[in-house]
Protein backbone atom coordinates (compact mmCIF):
# COMPACT_ATOMS: atom_id res chain seq x y z
CA MET A 1 -3.33 -6.41 14.29
CA GLU A 2 0.06 -5.07 13.31
CA LYS A 3 0.19 -2.24 10.77
CA THR A 4 2.03 -4.32 8.17
CA ASP A 5 -0.53 -7.12 8.51
CA LYS A 6 -3.33 -4.62 7.91
CA ILE A 7 -1.55 -3.30 4.82
CA VAL A 8 -1.07 -6.84 3.50
CA ASP A 9 -4.78 -7.53 4.04
CA ILE A 10 -5.69 -4.35 2.14
CA LEU A 11 -3.43 -5.35 -0.74
CA LYS A 12 -4.87 -8.87 -0.77
CA ASP A 13 -8.39 -7.44 -0.97
CA VAL A 14 -7.51 -5.04 -3.77
CA THR A 15 -5.39 -7.42 -5.86
CA GLY A 16 -6.97 -10.77 -5.07
CA LEU A 17 -3.51 -12.25 -4.51
CA ASP A 18 -3.13 -14.42 -1.40
CA ASN A 19 0.68 -14.53 -1.49
CA ILE A 20 1.19 -10.77 -1.63
CA GLY A 21 2.76 -10.66 1.86
CA ASP A 22 5.47 -13.21 1.07
CA ASN A 23 8.06 -10.57 0.12
CA LEU A 24 7.64 -7.24 1.91
CA ASP A 25 10.28 -5.61 -0.32
CA GLN A 26 8.81 -6.71 -3.66
CA ASP A 27 8.23 -3.77 -6.00
CA LEU A 28 4.46 -3.75 -6.45
CA PHE A 29 4.58 -1.49 -9.50
CA ALA A 30 7.48 -3.13 -11.36
CA THR A 31 5.85 -6.55 -10.98
CA GLY A 32 2.50 -5.26 -12.21
CA ILE A 33 0.73 -6.09 -8.96
CA LEU A 34 -0.45 -2.48 -8.64
CA ASP A 35 -1.64 -0.36 -11.53
CA SER A 36 -3.04 3.16 -11.34
CA MET A 37 -6.60 2.07 -10.49
CA ALA A 38 -5.47 -0.38 -7.80
CA THR A 39 -3.17 2.27 -6.36
CA VAL A 40 -6.04 4.70 -5.92
CA GLU A 41 -8.12 1.99 -4.24
CA VAL A 42 -5.24 1.13 -1.89
CA LEU A 43 -4.64 4.78 -1.00
CA VAL A 44 -8.32 5.42 -0.26
CA THR A 45 -8.49 2.31 1.91
CA LEU A 46 -5.28 3.27 3.75
CA GLN A 47 -6.72 6.70 4.44
CA ASP A 48 -9.91 5.16 5.84
CA GLN A 49 -8.20 2.44 7.87
CA PHE A 50 -5.41 4.55 9.36
CA GLY A 51 -7.00 8.01 9.46
CA ILE A 52 -4.30 9.56 7.28
CA ALA A 53 -4.41 11.93 4.32
CA VAL A 54 -2.42 11.14 1.20
CA PRO A 55 -2.59 14.12 -1.16
CA VAL A 56 -2.44 12.87 -4.74
CA SER A 57 -0.21 15.81 -5.62
CA GLU A 58 2.40 14.51 -3.15
CA PHE A 59 2.18 10.85 -4.17
CA ASN A 60 5.52 9.47 -5.34
CA ARG A 61 5.47 5.86 -6.57
CA SER A 62 9.02 5.24 -5.38
CA GLN A 63 7.95 5.98 -1.80
CA TRP A 64 4.99 3.56 -1.99
CA SER A 65 6.46 0.75 -4.11
CA THR A 66 6.81 -2.00 -1.48
CA ILE A 67 4.84 -3.13 1.55
CA ASN A 68 7.67 -1.99 3.83
CA LYS A 69 7.71 1.44 2.19
CA ILE A 70 3.92 1.72 2.46
CA SER A 71 4.17 0.89 6.16
CA ASP A 72 6.88 3.54 6.64
CA ARG A 73 4.81 6.19 4.82
CA VAL A 74 1.69 5.38 6.83
CA THR A 75 3.71 5.71 10.03
CA GLU A 76 5.03 9.10 8.90
CA LEU A 77 1.52 10.34 8.07
CA GLU A 78 -0.17 9.12 11.27
């Protein structure tokens, strides 16, 4: 499974939204899809699924705001 597909699946599981992968550049925070609790759940799942570490102190919403940006960050941290 491609990385982006895995990320979309994670977001679907966390948010319960089936159409979340329709726009990979949609701002997940501005649209209210992700709130602080969902963000933590997504980050923990990403860490488990991809074997990465995302220090909370280094988390910047602007770098994690879209599916494409999440994919880019995961790639950088792998």
